[in-house]
Structures are given as structure tokens and as C-alpha cells.
Amino acid sequence: MAPLTRQRAGKGWVPTASNALYYAQRASAGLIISEASQISPKGLGYVNTPGIYNSEQVEGWRKVTDAVHARGGRIFIQLWHVGRHSHPLLQQDGSLPYAPSAVPENVPITTPAGKMEPVVPHAMTIEEIASTISDYKNAALLAMDAGFDGVEIHAANGYLIDQFLNDSSNLRSDAYGGSIAAKCRFALEVTEAISSAVGACRTGIRLSPSGTNFGVRNQKPVETFEYLLNELNNFGLAYVHLIEPDQARLEGLPQYLRRVTPHFRPLVRTTLITSAGYNFSRAEAVVEEGLADLVAFGKLFISNPDLVERYHADAPLNLWDEKTFYGGDQRGYTDYPFYTS
């Protein structure tokens, strides 16, 4: 099960009994990757997303992991820092959001007061970069306290780590910008900190080589991600998780980035997860062809908590209600029906 932001955390961004039920319903996925969870107050980019940086959040998440384990499942938490995709209205102290460089996004930001124009973010100092890496490490350790089986580093979709990887959002000329190696340094230092703290066998990473979310652009995406994947091989991670591009946004992408999994498969020396846009037959094919070891499903798991059983029985699938994806109550969250033959 792919990570899916649902914006249903409780007060203080603490997971609730409702969140525990939601994940437990989907435990037959085998491996669940949780919704993205901010590693610090500074990493917040949306209301009602869970955190993993204090004891109350650990206790909330423990309800989730206990519920999933009780049903025989395994669950990794996705560690998240949104970087510039935030706003002073979302920041605890009303300050500017962090970013590699003082370059604003090109889309409005959703805040508690509604849609707002993006702000020029604060370009992180070397000390702030080091502190943020420590936040990632601390979040990973707290995840272990909460009973997670591992962590996934969210290095995709235009958020902080991805902002360091891309030219349009990273204009630095110091050790964290300029060359491909320098742009990848932050991602690799985060990976080093986390894998050293909790074990490489409990650490995965998610990447979007074709991603252009929130205006990130890369002049050398293939070279950048080839370098990054080669360096990641040194850690012996549990897995690498590659996101395929949105098929509606392929215009302008070179052919080898229109399907990233086949291109990068030869470089990945660990378990490879692929996701985005798969149905059962395409998933079976990509595994049988040896292009991936696992396929993650997203929206299909939202509307089909028993997706595995439905596929096994060749049963019809529930349709999802997109209006209930983000925020709200139990509707579109824990009330999708299970299949009965």
C-alpha cells in the first residue's frame, strides 16, 4: 500500500483510533507505507497531517502499529519535510518555511485561512541543514519507539529533499548545490543519519525522477538520479521506491523518463518498489518481467480495504470518492464495504 495523505490526524497532529482502524482494515496489503508524517513542526505543509516528533504522536502511532500487527501486517512510516511547500500560517512560530534557496513555488499554498500565494522561503543555513538532518534521525528513532517495522524517506514529489535535488529550486553554490554530487548531498546525509540510527534494513527511500510537482525542474534528471541511485547502493537499504510519472503529464519528458522503472532498474541493487497508475494485470507484468520486485497501489486501497482479497477472488472493485480523499470524517475513510461472495 502506497503512502496516501488523508489529513485526518487529531489535535496536535496525533494519530487517533480512527486512523488505527483505517490502517488495520488494510493490513492484508503485506507492507503498508503510511501517509507522509512531518518530522518536525517546521516540516508541516498541510493541516491535520500526522507528525512523528513528540511523545504524544508516538503513543498515537503505537495504536496504529499495534492494530496492523494484530492483523498480521507490516507497516513503515513515511518521513516528511515539505520544505518551501508551506506558509507562515502553517508554521508554529509564523516564520518563513525552509528551502534550499529563496525561490518560491509556482502554485498557491493551502493554509488554515484558505489558498494563499506562495511566499519566498528562507534559504537554509548550513547549521539549519544539520539540524534538519538531526530531525530526520530523531523521527526515525521515535518511529521505532512507536512500533513501526521501518521508515521510508520521502525524497519525492517536490518536497524538501526533492527541492535540493532539482535545479529550479536549488540555486546554492556551496556544498549542497551546483554540481550533481552537491545537490544529492542532503538526500545522502539524511539517508546516512537514518540508516545508521535504525538500520539500513529498516530504511527505504522514495524518489520521483520524472516529478515536476510544485514547479521543481531538473536540467539533468537522468544523470542526477543515476548518480543518486549509485550512491544509495552503498547503504544496503531495504528498498528503493520509484514513482512513475502521471500519464497525463508526459509532454516534454524524454522517452526514458516516461517509464522510470525500466530505465533505473539495472542500477538498483536492493528491492525495487514501483508505483503510480498500476492495475493488477500491469503490476503482474512488471514483476514477471523482472522490472520491479513489488508494486504499490494507492487510490485502489483507499476504496478497497480488502484489495488483496478482491484481486485473489477476481471480485469487482469499489470506486473511490475523490471528494473524501483529504480531511473529513469516516465517510470515504473507514466506511468502504468489504467484499462478500
Protein backbone atom coordinates (compact mmCIF):
# COMPACT_ATOMS: atom_id res chain seq x y z
CA MET A 1 0.00 0.00 0.00
CA ALA A 2 1.50 3.30 -1.13
CA PRO A 3 1.71 6.34 1.17
CA LEU A 4 -1.55 8.28 0.98
CA THR A 5 -2.11 11.66 2.61
CA ARG A 6 -5.60 11.66 4.15
CA GLN A 7 -5.45 14.65 6.57
CA ARG A 8 -7.35 13.02 9.40
CA ALA A 9 -4.92 13.28 12.31
CA GLY A 10 -6.22 14.58 15.63
CA LYS A 11 -5.31 17.58 17.77
CA GLY A 12 -1.58 18.20 17.87
CA TRP A 13 -1.24 16.14 14.69
CA VAL A 14 -1.61 12.97 16.79
CA PRO A 15 -2.96 9.77 15.16
CA THR A 16 -6.30 8.61 16.53
CA ALA A 17 -8.31 5.40 16.95
CA SER A 18 -9.93 6.19 13.61
CA ASN A 19 -6.51 6.17 11.94
CA ALA A 20 -5.72 2.85 13.60
CA LEU A 21 -8.93 1.34 12.21
CA TYR A 22 -8.19 2.66 8.72
CA TYR A 23 -4.75 1.05 8.60
CA ALA A 24 -5.86 -2.17 10.29
CA GLN A 25 -8.58 -2.61 7.65
CA ARG A 26 -5.81 -2.66 5.02
CA ALA A 27 -3.33 -4.90 6.87
CA SER A 28 -3.54 -7.64 4.24
CA ALA A 29 -1.54 -5.37 1.92
CA GLY A 30 1.50 -7.15 3.35
CA LEU A 31 3.51 -3.94 3.62
CA ILE A 32 1.78 -0.64 4.32
CA ILE A 33 3.70 2.58 3.83
CA SER A 34 1.95 5.15 5.99
CA GLU A 35 0.86 8.58 4.98
CA ALA A 36 3.63 11.17 4.97
CA SER A 37 4.33 12.38 8.51
CA GLN A 38 6.22 15.55 9.30
CA ILE A 39 9.49 15.14 11.19
CA SER A 40 9.19 18.49 12.99
CA PRO A 41 6.80 21.44 13.29
CA LYS A 42 8.94 23.14 10.65
CA GLY A 43 8.10 20.37 8.19
CA LEU A 44 4.33 20.96 8.25
CA GLY A 45 2.67 21.78 4.94
CA TYR A 46 -0.96 20.79 5.39
CA VAL A 47 -3.42 20.80 8.29
CA ASN A 48 -4.34 17.53 10.01
CA THR A 49 -1.35 15.55 8.77
CA PRO A 50 0.28 13.42 11.47
CA GLY A 51 3.68 14.14 12.97
CA ILE A 52 6.38 11.93 14.40
CA TYR A 53 8.41 14.23 16.65
CA ASN A 54 6.94 14.05 20.16
CA SER A 55 5.75 11.51 22.72
CA GLU A 56 2.03 12.12 22.14
CA GLN A 57 2.43 11.34 18.45
CA VAL A 58 4.42 8.21 19.30
CA GLU A 59 1.58 6.99 21.51
CA GLY A 60 -0.94 7.73 18.77
CA TRP A 61 1.10 5.88 16.17
CA ARG A 62 1.54 2.92 18.53
CA LYS A 63 -2.23 2.37 18.35
CA VAL A 64 -1.83 2.16 14.57
CA THR A 65 1.12 -0.21 14.53
CA ASP A 66 -0.43 -2.47 17.18
CA ALA A 67 -3.64 -2.68 15.14
CA VAL A 68 -1.79 -3.51 11.92
CA HIS A 69 0.43 -6.11 13.59
CA ALA A 70 -2.57 -7.72 15.28
CA ARG A 71 -3.91 -8.48 11.79
CA GLY A 72 -0.60 -9.83 10.51
CA GLY A 73 0.52 -6.79 8.58
CA ARG A 74 3.75 -4.79 8.43
CA ILE A 75 3.99 -1.01 8.32
CA PHE A 76 6.70 1.55 7.52
CA ILE A 77 6.19 5.25 8.23
CA GLN A 78 6.99 7.81 5.55
CA LEU A 79 9.15 10.61 6.96
CA TRP A 80 8.34 14.03 5.52
CA HIS A 81 9.51 17.61 5.44
CA VAL A 82 7.66 19.77 2.93
CA GLY A 83 10.33 22.48 2.72
CA ARG A 84 9.08 25.51 0.81
CA HIS A 85 5.65 23.98 0.26
CA SER A 86 4.37 25.69 3.39
CA HIS A 87 3.37 29.13 4.62
CA PRO A 88 3.86 31.24 7.77
CA LEU A 89 0.24 30.43 8.67
CA LEU A 90 1.27 26.76 8.89
CA GLN A 91 4.47 27.41 10.81
CA GLN A 92 4.35 27.15 14.59
CA ASP A 93 6.13 30.47 15.06
CA GLY A 94 4.77 32.21 11.97
CA SER A 95 8.19 32.19 10.31
CA LEU A 96 9.06 31.53 6.70
CA PRO A 97 9.29 27.89 5.58
CA TYR A 98 12.68 26.33 4.94
CA ALA A 99 14.06 25.65 1.46
CA PRO A 100 17.43 25.08 -0.22
CA SER A 101 17.19 28.55 -1.78
CA ALA A 102 14.97 31.62 -1.57
CA VAL A 103 12.88 30.56 -4.58
CA PRO A 104 9.08 30.48 -4.21
CA GLU A 105 6.83 27.82 -5.66
CA ASN A 106 4.55 28.47 -8.60
CA VAL A 107 1.28 27.30 -7.01
CA PRO A 108 -0.94 28.62 -4.20
CA ILE A 109 -0.48 27.09 -0.75
CA THR A 110 -3.45 25.68 1.16
CA THR A 111 -3.46 27.23 4.65
CA PRO A 112 -5.92 27.31 7.57
CA ALA A 113 -7.15 30.59 6.07
CA GLY A 114 -7.64 29.14 2.59
CA LYS A 115 -5.49 29.32 -0.54
CA MET A 116 -2.65 31.83 -0.27
CA GLU A 117 0.03 32.97 -2.67
CA PRO A 118 3.36 31.21 -2.09
CA VAL A 119 5.94 33.08 -0.04
CA VAL A 120 9.64 33.44 -0.73
CA PRO A 121 11.07 30.76 1.58
CA HIS A 122 14.04 31.04 3.90
CA ALA A 123 17.25 29.66 2.39
CA MET A 124 18.60 27.21 4.94
CA THR A 125 21.95 27.84 6.56
CA ILE A 126 24.49 25.05 6.96
CA GLU A 127 23.52 24.89 10.64
CA GLU A 128 19.83 24.60 9.76
CA ILE A 129 20.58 21.82 7.31
CA ALA A 130 22.45 19.91 10.03
CA SER A 131 19.59 20.48 12.48
CA THR A 132 17.05 19.21 9.95
CA ILE A 133 19.10 16.06 9.35
CA SER A 134 19.02 15.53 13.12
CA ASP A 135 15.23 15.95 12.98
CA TYR A 136 15.03 13.14 10.41
CA LYS A 137 17.18 10.89 12.61
CA ASN A 138 15.11 11.67 15.71
CA ALA A 139 11.86 10.99 13.84
CA ALA A 140 13.19 7.61 12.69
CA LEU A 141 14.12 6.67 16.25
CA LEU A 142 10.69 7.74 17.50
CA ALA A 143 9.12 5.63 14.75
CA MET A 144 10.89 2.59 16.18
CA ASP A 145 9.52 3.50 19.62
CA ALA A 146 6.05 3.65 18.05
CA GLY A 147 6.39 0.09 16.77
CA PHE A 148 6.95 0.68 13.07
CA ASP A 149 8.76 -2.01 11.12
CA GLY A 150 10.77 0.60 9.25
CA VAL A 151 10.79 4.06 7.71
CA GLU A 152 10.56 5.43 4.20
CA ILE A 153 12.41 8.66 3.44
CA HIS A 154 10.15 10.89 1.36
CA ALA A 155 12.58 12.28 -1.22
CA ALA A 156 9.99 12.82 -3.96
CA ASN A 157 7.09 14.96 -5.17
CA GLY A 158 8.64 18.40 -4.85
CA TYR A 159 9.16 18.41 -1.07
CA LEU A 160 12.34 19.37 0.78
CA ILE A 161 14.74 16.61 -0.28
CA ASP A 162 13.47 16.79 -3.86
CA GLN A 163 13.92 20.56 -3.75
CA PHE A 164 17.62 20.01 -3.04
CA LEU A 165 17.86 17.59 -5.99
CA ASN A 166 16.40 19.95 -8.58
CA ASP A 167 18.00 22.93 -10.36
CA SER A 168 14.99 25.24 -10.30
CA SER A 169 14.65 25.08 -6.50
CA ASN A 170 18.33 24.70 -5.56
CA LEU A 171 20.45 27.68 -6.58
CA ARG A 172 23.10 27.12 -3.93
CA SER A 173 26.82 27.35 -4.72
CA ASP A 174 28.10 25.76 -1.51
CA ALA A 175 28.49 22.08 -0.58
CA TYR A 176 24.75 21.47 -1.11
CA GLY A 177 24.30 22.91 -4.60
CA GLY A 178 25.83 23.39 -8.01
CA SER A 179 27.16 20.00 -9.07
CA ILE A 180 25.03 16.86 -9.17
CA ALA A 181 27.02 15.42 -6.27
CA ALA A 182 26.41 18.52 -4.19
CA LYS A 183 22.69 18.60 -4.95
CA CYS A 184 22.44 14.96 -3.86
CA ARG A 185 24.40 15.53 -0.66
CA PHE A 186 21.41 16.39 1.53
CA ALA A 187 19.50 13.28 0.45
CA LEU A 188 22.52 11.10 1.12
CA GLU A 189 23.26 12.65 4.50
CA VAL A 190 19.64 12.15 5.57
CA THR A 191 19.87 8.53 4.44
CA GLU A 192 23.15 8.04 6.31
CA ALA A 193 21.73 9.52 9.52
CA ILE A 194 18.57 7.42 9.44
CA SER A 195 20.09 4.12 8.34
CA SER A 196 22.85 4.44 10.95
CA ALA A 197 20.25 5.09 13.65
CA VAL A 198 17.66 2.40 12.89
CA GLY A 199 19.42 0.08 10.47
CA ALA A 200 19.60 0.10 6.68
CA CYS A 201 17.36 -2.99 6.63
CA ARG A 202 14.61 -0.81 8.13
CA THR A 203 15.15 2.14 5.80
CA GLY A 204 13.64 2.75 2.36
CA ILE A 205 13.55 5.82 0.14
CA ARG A 206 11.01 7.14 -2.35
CA LEU A 207 12.08 9.05 -5.46
CA SER A 208 10.29 10.70 -8.39
CA PRO A 209 12.85 11.08 -11.22
CA SER A 210 10.19 12.46 -13.59
CA GLY A 211 8.46 14.60 -10.99
CA THR A 212 7.69 18.27 -11.56
CA ASN A 213 5.44 18.87 -8.54
CA PHE A 214 5.17 22.47 -7.36
CA GLY A 215 7.50 23.74 -10.05
CA VAL A 216 10.63 21.64 -9.47
CA ARG A 217 12.64 21.15 -12.65
CA ASN A 218 15.92 19.39 -13.33
CA GLN A 219 18.16 20.09 -16.30
CA LYS A 220 19.85 16.69 -15.92
CA PRO A 221 17.29 14.39 -14.31
CA VAL A 222 18.72 11.14 -15.65
CA GLU A 223 22.28 11.93 -14.61
CA THR A 224 21.11 13.21 -11.22
CA PHE A 225 19.10 10.13 -10.32
CA GLU A 226 21.63 7.73 -11.79
CA TYR A 227 24.25 9.28 -9.52
CA LEU A 228 21.90 9.24 -6.53
CA LEU A 229 20.90 5.60 -7.01
CA ASN A 230 24.51 4.50 -7.40
CA GLU A 231 25.38 6.25 -4.12
CA LEU A 232 22.34 4.79 -2.36
CA ASN A 233 23.61 1.32 -3.23
CA ASN A 234 26.35 1.86 -0.64
CA PHE A 235 23.84 1.76 2.22
CA GLY A 236 22.18 -1.61 1.63
CA LEU A 237 18.71 -0.15 2.07
CA ALA A 238 15.56 -2.22 2.50
CA TYR A 239 14.20 -0.85 -0.77
CA VAL A 240 14.07 1.95 -3.32
CA HIS A 241 10.58 3.15 -4.25
CA LEU A 242 10.23 4.76 -7.69
CA ILE A 243 7.17 6.78 -8.72
CA GLU A 244 6.11 6.56 -12.34
CA PRO A 245 5.07 9.87 -13.94
CA ASP A 246 1.47 10.94 -14.25
CA GLN A 247 0.44 9.67 -17.67
CA ALA A 248 -1.47 12.91 -18.25
CA ARG A 249 1.75 14.94 -17.86
CA LEU A 250 4.16 13.23 -20.21
CA GLU A 251 4.54 16.15 -22.61
CA GLY A 252 8.14 17.31 -22.76
CA LEU A 253 9.55 14.26 -20.97
CA PRO A 254 12.25 12.28 -22.79
CA GLN A 255 11.24 8.73 -23.62
CA TYR A 256 13.36 7.14 -20.89
CA LEU A 257 11.58 9.21 -18.22
CA ARG A 258 8.10 8.30 -19.40
CA ARG A 259 8.61 4.96 -17.65
CA VAL A 260 11.26 5.38 -14.99
CA THR A 261 11.25 1.84 -13.58
CA PRO A 262 12.67 0.09 -16.67
CA HIS A 263 15.37 2.73 -17.06
CA PHE A 264 16.62 2.72 -13.47
CA ARG A 265 16.03 -0.97 -12.65
CA PRO A 266 19.62 -2.01 -13.59
CA LEU A 267 21.05 0.49 -11.10
CA VAL A 268 19.04 -0.65 -8.06
CA ARG A 269 20.80 -3.36 -6.06
CA THR A 270 18.05 -3.85 -3.50
CA THR A 271 14.32 -4.47 -3.56
CA LEU A 272 12.65 -2.15 -6.04
CA ILE A 273 9.09 -0.93 -5.47
CA THR A 274 7.29 0.80 -8.32
CA SER A 275 4.03 2.72 -8.04
CA ALA A 276 1.55 5.05 -9.72
CA GLY A 277 -1.05 4.10 -12.28
CA TYR A 278 -0.91 0.32 -11.98
CA ASN A 279 -3.80 -2.09 -12.17
CA PHE A 280 -3.47 -5.77 -11.31
CA SER A 281 -2.51 -7.01 -14.78
CA ARG A 282 0.13 -4.29 -15.32
CA ALA A 283 1.51 -4.95 -11.84
CA GLU A 284 1.78 -8.68 -12.51
CA ALA A 285 3.53 -7.98 -15.80
CA VAL A 286 6.14 -5.60 -14.37
CA VAL A 287 7.05 -8.13 -11.67
CA GLU A 288 7.14 -11.08 -14.08
CA GLU A 289 9.38 -9.08 -16.42
CA GLY A 290 11.80 -8.51 -13.54
CA LEU A 291 11.47 -4.74 -13.74
CA ALA A 292 10.31 -4.47 -10.12
CA ASP A 293 10.06 -6.69 -7.06
CA LEU A 294 6.94 -5.08 -5.58
CA VAL A 295 4.16 -2.83 -6.84
CA ALA A 296 2.46 -0.32 -4.53
CA PHE A 297 -1.19 0.59 -5.00
CA GLY A 298 -2.67 3.87 -3.81
CA LYS A 299 -6.19 5.02 -4.61
CA LEU A 300 -7.38 1.44 -5.09
CA PHE A 301 -6.53 0.79 -1.43
CA ILE A 302 -8.50 3.86 -0.37
CA SER A 303 -11.75 2.43 -1.72
CA ASN A 304 -10.91 -1.25 -1.30
CA PRO A 305 -9.54 -2.06 2.16
CA ASP A 306 -9.58 -5.72 1.11
CA LEU A 307 -7.90 -5.08 -2.25
CA VAL A 308 -5.70 -8.18 -1.96
CA GLU A 309 -8.67 -10.46 -1.31
CA ARG A 310 -10.64 -8.87 -4.15
CA TYR A 311 -7.82 -9.48 -6.61
CA HIS A 312 -7.44 -13.04 -5.37
CA ALA A 313 -11.15 -13.67 -5.93
CA ASP A 314 -11.29 -11.66 -9.15
CA ALA A 315 -14.03 -9.65 -7.44
CA PRO A 316 -15.33 -6.25 -8.54
CA LEU A 317 -13.69 -3.16 -7.03
CA ASN A 318 -15.30 -0.28 -5.18
CA LEU A 319 -14.98 3.09 -6.90
CA TRP A 320 -13.29 5.80 -4.87
CA ASP A 321 -14.87 9.13 -3.96
CA GLU A 322 -12.24 11.76 -4.67
CA LYS A 323 -14.17 14.39 -2.69
CA THR A 324 -13.35 12.50 0.52
CA PHE A 325 -9.63 11.98 -0.10
CA TYR A 326 -8.44 14.84 2.12
CA GLY A 327 -9.90 15.60 5.54
CA GLY A 328 -13.38 14.96 6.84
CA ASP A 329 -14.89 12.19 8.95
CA GLN A 330 -15.30 8.43 8.47
CA ARG A 331 -17.02 8.86 5.12
CA GLY A 332 -14.65 7.78 2.40
CA TYR A 333 -12.17 6.72 5.07
CA THR A 334 -13.22 3.66 7.07
CA ASP A 335 -16.70 3.03 5.62
CA TYR A 336 -15.85 1.42 2.26
CA PRO A 337 -17.51 -2.02 2.14
CA PHE A 338 -15.63 -5.30 2.20
CA TYR A 339 -16.33 -7.90 -0.48
CA THR A 340 -18.76 -10.70 0.30
CA SER A 341 -19.08 -13.55 -2.17
